Every structure is written in structure tokens, then in C-alpha cells.
């Protein structure tokens, strides 16, 4: 049997195959925001014929996003970010969504 590295945190199937890729998609959309914006504008202007009119913008967006999805370093970066968020949640019991909100302060 293969020994498990005690320093490498264990990822559940749903974390590795669903949650981290979701984080990758969100970050990739931010990093490709110029292409997302160009495609969105083309679709708004193209109307019914957007499928034919916006092929160039769609291809550019797809290439940009796919480049990030297939990058192992980008996966590792997102994995580390996910593990930090998971550790913080386990420590505090507060999810990152609620932690990012400003808490009211008493004056």
C-alpha cells in the first residue's frame, strides 16, 4: 500500500472535482474580464445572430479560460486558497461569505 504524506491535506472528492474547479472558474472569469466583457457586448449587439456574429469573441474567451483551467500551477494556487478558507472555517465556524461582510461595531 502507498503511504499517505501526513503534511498533504486530504481533499474529498467533492472538494477536488467540484469546489476547487468552481473557484478556478470564478478566478479565471476575473482574470479574463476584458474578454468576458467583449463577448457580452457582442452578444447584446448581435441579437438573434449573435451565434454567428460573435464567434471571434467567443473563441478568444474560450482560449483564455481554457488556458487557466488546464494550468496545474493555477489549480495549485486555487487549492491552497481553498484549503486556507476551509481551515479558517473549521477554526471559526464562519464561512468566508459571511466573514467578508462588514460586522457592525458598537460606538
N, C-alpha and C. Protein backbone atom coordinates (compact mmCIF):
# COMPACT_ATOMS: atom_id res chain seq x y z
N UNK A 1 0.82 -1.19 0.00
CA UNK A 1 0.00 0.00 0.00
C UNK A 1 0.86 1.25 0.00
N UNK A 2 0.33 2.28 -0.57
CA UNK A 2 1.03 3.54 -0.67
C UNK A 2 0.89 4.32 0.63
N UNK A 3 1.98 4.87 1.14
CA UNK A 3 1.90 5.65 2.37
C UNK A 3 1.38 7.05 2.06
N UNK A 4 0.60 7.57 2.97
CA UNK A 4 -0.01 8.88 2.78
C UNK A 4 0.88 9.92 3.46
N UNK A 5 1.21 10.97 2.74
CA UNK A 5 2.01 12.05 3.28
C UNK A 5 1.18 12.80 4.32
N UNK A 6 1.66 12.83 5.56
CA UNK A 6 0.88 13.45 6.64
C UNK A 6 0.80 14.97 6.49
N UNK A 7 1.71 15.58 5.75
CA UNK A 7 1.68 17.03 5.57
C UNK A 7 0.72 17.45 4.46
N UNK A 8 0.40 16.56 3.54
CA UNK A 8 -0.51 16.87 2.45
C UNK A 8 -1.94 16.70 2.95
N UNK A 9 -2.73 17.79 2.99
CA UNK A 9 -4.10 17.66 3.48
C UNK A 9 -4.95 16.83 2.54
N UNK A 10 -5.85 16.05 3.12
CA UNK A 10 -6.71 15.19 2.32
C UNK A 10 -7.86 16.01 1.75
N UNK A 11 -8.08 15.85 0.45
CA UNK A 11 -9.21 16.50 -0.21
C UNK A 11 -10.26 15.46 -0.52
N UNK A 12 -11.50 15.77 -0.16
CA UNK A 12 -12.60 14.89 -0.51
C UNK A 12 -12.86 15.01 -2.01
N UNK A 13 -13.56 14.03 -2.54
CA UNK A 13 -13.88 14.00 -3.97
C UNK A 13 -14.59 15.29 -4.40
N UNK A 14 -15.57 15.72 -3.62
CA UNK A 14 -16.34 16.91 -3.99
C UNK A 14 -15.47 18.17 -3.94
N UNK A 15 -14.50 18.21 -3.05
CA UNK A 15 -13.61 19.36 -2.99
C UNK A 15 -12.71 19.42 -4.23
N UNK A 16 -12.13 18.28 -4.58
CA UNK A 16 -11.19 18.23 -5.70
C UNK A 16 -11.89 18.39 -7.05
N UNK A 17 -13.07 17.81 -7.20
CA UNK A 17 -13.73 17.79 -8.50
C UNK A 17 -14.83 18.83 -8.68
N UNK A 18 -15.27 19.47 -7.59
CA UNK A 18 -16.36 20.44 -7.71
C UNK A 18 -15.98 21.80 -7.15
N UNK A 19 -15.60 21.84 -5.88
CA UNK A 19 -15.39 23.14 -5.21
C UNK A 19 -14.16 23.89 -5.72
N UNK A 20 -13.06 23.21 -5.88
CA UNK A 20 -11.85 23.89 -6.38
C UNK A 20 -12.03 24.30 -7.84
N UNK A 21 -12.57 23.45 -8.73
CA UNK A 21 -12.83 23.91 -10.10
C UNK A 21 -13.80 25.10 -10.15
N UNK A 22 -14.78 25.14 -9.24
CA UNK A 22 -15.68 26.29 -9.19
C UNK A 22 -14.90 27.56 -8.86
N UNK A 23 -13.98 27.46 -7.90
CA UNK A 23 -13.14 28.60 -7.55
C UNK A 23 -12.26 29.00 -8.73
N UNK A 24 -11.76 28.00 -9.47
CA UNK A 24 -10.94 28.27 -10.64
C UNK A 24 -11.74 29.03 -11.70
N UNK A 25 -12.99 28.62 -11.93
CA UNK A 25 -13.83 29.31 -12.92
C UNK A 25 -14.06 30.76 -12.53
N UNK A 26 -14.36 30.99 -11.25
CA UNK A 26 -14.62 32.35 -10.79
C UNK A 26 -13.38 33.24 -10.95
N UNK A 27 -12.22 32.70 -10.56
CA UNK A 27 -10.99 33.48 -10.68
C UNK A 27 -10.60 33.69 -12.14
N UNK A 28 -10.80 32.67 -12.98
CA UNK A 28 -10.46 32.79 -14.40
C UNK A 28 -11.34 33.83 -15.07
N UNK A 29 -12.62 33.90 -14.69
CA UNK A 29 -13.51 34.93 -15.26
C UNK A 29 -13.03 36.32 -14.89
N UNK A 30 -12.52 36.48 -13.67
CA UNK A 30 -11.96 37.77 -13.27
C UNK A 30 -10.71 38.10 -14.07
N UNK A 31 -9.84 37.09 -14.25
CA UNK A 31 -8.59 37.30 -14.97
C UNK A 31 -8.81 37.53 -16.47
N UNK A 32 -9.90 37.00 -17.01
CA UNK A 32 -10.24 37.17 -18.43
C UNK A 32 -11.37 38.19 -18.59
N UNK A 33 -11.49 39.11 -17.67
CA UNK A 33 -12.63 40.03 -17.65
C UNK A 33 -12.76 40.86 -18.93
N UNK A 34 -11.65 41.23 -19.54
CA UNK A 34 -11.73 42.00 -20.78
C UNK A 34 -12.40 41.19 -21.90
N UNK A 35 -12.09 39.91 -21.97
CA UNK A 35 -12.69 39.06 -23.00
C UNK A 35 -14.15 38.73 -22.67
N UNK A 36 -14.45 38.59 -21.39
CA UNK A 36 -15.84 38.36 -20.97
C UNK A 36 -16.68 39.58 -21.35
N UNK A 37 -16.14 40.75 -21.09
CA UNK A 37 -16.85 41.99 -21.41
C UNK A 37 -17.06 42.15 -22.92
N UNK A 38 -16.02 41.83 -23.70
CA UNK A 38 -16.13 41.94 -25.16
C UNK A 38 -17.19 40.97 -25.69
N UNK A 39 -17.21 39.77 -25.17
CA UNK A 39 -18.20 38.78 -25.61
C UNK A 39 -19.61 39.21 -25.21
N UNK A 40 -19.76 39.73 -24.00
CA UNK A 40 -21.06 40.19 -23.53
C UNK A 40 -21.59 41.32 -24.40
N UNK A 41 -20.73 42.29 -24.70
CA UNK A 41 -21.14 43.41 -25.56
C UNK A 41 -21.54 42.93 -26.95
N UNK A 42 -20.77 42.01 -27.50
CA UNK A 42 -21.08 41.47 -28.83
C UNK A 42 -22.44 40.77 -28.82
N UNK A 43 -22.70 40.02 -27.77
CA UNK A 43 -23.99 39.32 -27.66
C UNK A 43 -25.15 40.30 -27.56
N UNK A 44 -24.95 41.39 -26.83
CA UNK A 44 -26.00 42.39 -26.70
C UNK A 44 -26.29 43.05 -28.05
N UNK A 45 -25.23 43.32 -28.80
CA UNK A 45 -25.38 43.97 -30.10
C UNK A 45 -25.85 43.00 -31.18
N UNK A 46 -25.46 41.73 -31.06
CA UNK A 46 -25.73 40.75 -32.10
C UNK A 46 -27.17 40.29 -32.17
N UNK A 47 -27.88 40.35 -31.07
CA UNK A 47 -29.26 39.91 -31.07
C UNK A 47 -29.40 38.45 -31.47
N UNK A 48 -30.31 38.20 -32.39
CA UNK A 48 -30.60 36.83 -32.81
C UNK A 48 -29.42 36.16 -33.51
N UNK A 49 -28.59 36.93 -34.17
CA UNK A 49 -27.46 36.38 -34.94
C UNK A 49 -26.15 36.35 -34.16
N UNK A 50 -26.23 36.47 -32.83
CA UNK A 50 -25.02 36.50 -32.01
C UNK A 50 -24.19 35.23 -32.17
N UNK A 51 -24.84 34.10 -32.43
CA UNK A 51 -24.11 32.84 -32.59
C UNK A 51 -23.10 32.94 -33.73
N UNK A 52 -23.50 33.60 -34.79
CA UNK A 52 -22.61 33.74 -35.95
C UNK A 52 -21.71 34.95 -35.83
N UNK A 53 -22.24 36.04 -35.30
CA UNK A 53 -21.52 37.30 -35.25
C UNK A 53 -20.39 37.30 -34.21
N UNK A 54 -20.56 36.58 -33.12
CA UNK A 54 -19.61 36.67 -32.00
C UNK A 54 -18.66 35.48 -31.90
N UNK A 55 -18.43 34.79 -32.98
CA UNK A 55 -17.54 33.63 -32.95
C UNK A 55 -16.12 34.00 -32.52
N UNK A 56 -15.62 35.12 -33.03
CA UNK A 56 -14.25 35.54 -32.71
C UNK A 56 -14.12 35.83 -31.22
N UNK A 57 -15.08 36.57 -30.66
CA UNK A 57 -15.04 36.91 -29.24
C UNK A 57 -15.21 35.66 -28.37
N UNK A 58 -16.09 34.76 -28.81
CA UNK A 58 -16.30 33.51 -28.08
C UNK A 58 -15.03 32.67 -28.07
N UNK A 59 -14.36 32.58 -29.21
CA UNK A 59 -13.13 31.80 -29.29
C UNK A 59 -12.03 32.39 -28.40
N UNK A 60 -11.92 33.72 -28.39
CA UNK A 60 -10.92 34.38 -27.55
C UNK A 60 -11.20 34.12 -26.07
N UNK A 61 -12.47 34.22 -25.68
CA UNK A 61 -12.85 33.96 -24.29
C UNK A 61 -12.58 32.51 -23.92
N UNK A 62 -12.96 31.60 -24.79
CA UNK A 62 -12.76 30.18 -24.53
C UNK A 62 -11.27 29.85 -24.39
N UNK A 63 -10.43 30.42 -25.26
CA UNK A 63 -8.98 30.20 -25.17
C UNK A 63 -8.41 30.72 -23.86
N UNK A 64 -8.85 31.88 -23.45
CA UNK A 64 -8.36 32.48 -22.20
C UNK A 64 -8.75 31.61 -21.00
N UNK A 65 -10.02 31.24 -20.92
CA UNK A 65 -10.49 30.44 -19.80
C UNK A 65 -9.85 29.05 -19.79
N UNK A 66 -9.76 28.42 -20.94
CA UNK A 66 -9.17 27.09 -21.03
C UNK A 66 -7.70 27.10 -20.62
N UNK A 67 -7.01 28.17 -20.96
CA UNK A 67 -5.61 28.29 -20.55
C UNK A 67 -5.46 28.23 -19.04
N UNK A 68 -6.36 28.87 -18.33
CA UNK A 68 -6.31 28.84 -16.87
C UNK A 68 -6.76 27.48 -16.33
N UNK A 69 -7.82 26.91 -16.92
CA UNK A 69 -8.33 25.63 -16.44
C UNK A 69 -7.30 24.51 -16.54
N UNK A 70 -6.47 24.56 -17.57
CA UNK A 70 -5.51 23.48 -17.81
C UNK A 70 -4.16 23.73 -17.14
N UNK A 71 -3.99 24.86 -16.48
CA UNK A 71 -2.72 25.22 -15.86
C UNK A 71 -2.62 24.57 -14.47
N UNK A 72 -1.70 23.62 -14.29
CA UNK A 72 -1.55 22.96 -12.99
C UNK A 72 -1.16 23.93 -11.87
N UNK A 73 -0.39 24.95 -12.19
CA UNK A 73 0.00 25.94 -11.17
C UNK A 73 -1.21 26.73 -10.70
N UNK A 74 -2.12 27.04 -11.61
CA UNK A 74 -3.34 27.75 -11.26
C UNK A 74 -4.23 26.87 -10.37
N UNK A 75 -4.30 25.57 -10.68
CA UNK A 75 -5.04 24.64 -9.83
C UNK A 75 -4.46 24.62 -8.43
N UNK A 76 -3.14 24.53 -8.32
CA UNK A 76 -2.49 24.51 -7.01
C UNK A 76 -2.74 25.80 -6.24
N UNK A 77 -2.70 26.93 -6.93
CA UNK A 77 -2.98 28.22 -6.30
C UNK A 77 -4.40 28.25 -5.73
N UNK A 78 -5.36 27.79 -6.51
CA UNK A 78 -6.76 27.76 -6.06
C UNK A 78 -6.95 26.74 -4.94
N UNK A 79 -6.23 25.63 -5.04
CA UNK A 79 -6.31 24.60 -4.00
C UNK A 79 -5.80 25.15 -2.67
N UNK A 80 -4.68 25.86 -2.70
CA UNK A 80 -4.14 26.45 -1.48
C UNK A 80 -5.10 27.48 -0.89
N UNK A 81 -5.70 28.29 -1.74
CA UNK A 81 -6.67 29.27 -1.28
C UNK A 81 -7.88 28.57 -0.66
N UNK A 82 -8.34 27.51 -1.30
CA UNK A 82 -9.47 26.75 -0.76
C UNK A 82 -9.12 26.16 0.60
N UNK A 83 -7.92 25.57 0.71
CA UNK A 83 -7.51 24.96 1.98
C UNK A 83 -7.42 25.99 3.10
N UNK A 84 -6.97 27.21 2.78
CA UNK A 84 -6.92 28.27 3.79
C UNK A 84 -8.32 28.65 4.24
N UNK A 85 -9.25 28.76 3.28
CA UNK A 85 -10.64 29.08 3.63
C UNK A 85 -11.26 27.96 4.46
N UNK A 86 -10.98 26.71 4.08
CA UNK A 86 -11.52 25.57 4.83
C UNK A 86 -10.97 25.54 6.25
N UNK A 87 -9.69 25.79 6.39
CA UNK A 87 -9.06 25.81 7.71
C UNK A 87 -9.64 26.93 8.57
N UNK A 88 -9.84 28.10 7.98
CA UNK A 88 -10.42 29.23 8.71
C UNK A 88 -11.85 28.90 9.14
N UNK A 89 -12.61 28.25 8.27
CA UNK A 89 -13.97 27.86 8.62
C UNK A 89 -13.96 26.86 9.77
N UNK A 90 -13.08 25.89 9.71
CA UNK A 90 -13.00 24.88 10.78
C UNK A 90 -12.58 25.51 12.10
N UNK A 91 -11.76 26.55 12.03
CA UNK A 91 -11.29 27.22 13.23
C UNK A 91 -12.36 28.11 13.84
N UNK A 92 -13.09 28.86 12.99
CA UNK A 92 -14.03 29.86 13.49
C UNK A 92 -15.49 29.44 13.39
N UNK A 93 -15.83 28.57 12.44
CA UNK A 93 -17.22 28.20 12.22
C UNK A 93 -17.97 29.22 11.37
N UNK A 94 -17.25 30.20 10.83
CA UNK A 94 -17.86 31.24 9.99
C UNK A 94 -17.35 31.07 8.57
N UNK A 95 -18.27 30.95 7.60
CA UNK A 95 -17.85 30.76 6.22
C UNK A 95 -17.25 32.05 5.66
N UNK A 96 -16.49 31.93 4.60
CA UNK A 96 -15.81 33.09 4.01
C UNK A 96 -16.81 34.12 3.50
N UNK A 97 -17.98 33.65 3.06
CA UNK A 97 -19.01 34.56 2.56
C UNK A 97 -19.44 35.54 3.65
N UNK A 98 -19.61 35.04 4.87
CA UNK A 98 -20.05 35.89 5.97
C UNK A 98 -18.89 36.65 6.60
N UNK A 99 -17.69 36.09 6.52
CA UNK A 99 -16.52 36.75 7.08
C UNK A 99 -16.17 38.02 6.31
N UNK A 100 -16.47 38.03 5.00
CA UNK A 100 -16.13 39.17 4.16
C UNK A 100 -17.08 40.34 4.38
N UNK A 101 -18.25 40.08 4.97
CA UNK A 101 -19.18 41.16 5.24
C UNK A 101 -18.67 41.98 6.42
N UNK A 102 -18.93 43.26 6.37
CA UNK A 102 -18.53 44.11 7.48
C UNK A 102 -19.45 43.88 8.67
N UNK A 103 -18.85 43.61 9.80
CA UNK A 103 -19.63 43.41 11.01
C UNK A 103 -19.89 44.76 11.65
N UNK A 104 -21.08 44.97 12.20
CA UNK A 104 -21.37 46.25 12.85
C UNK A 104 -20.52 46.43 14.10
N UNK A 105 -20.11 47.63 14.33
CA UNK A 105 -19.29 47.92 15.52
C UNK A 105 -20.09 48.78 16.47
N UNK A 106 -19.88 48.57 17.73
CA UNK A 106 -20.59 49.39 18.72
C UNK A 106 -19.78 50.65 19.00
N UNK A 107 -20.46 51.76 19.08
CA UNK A 107 -19.77 53.03 19.35
C UNK A 107 -20.24 53.66 20.61
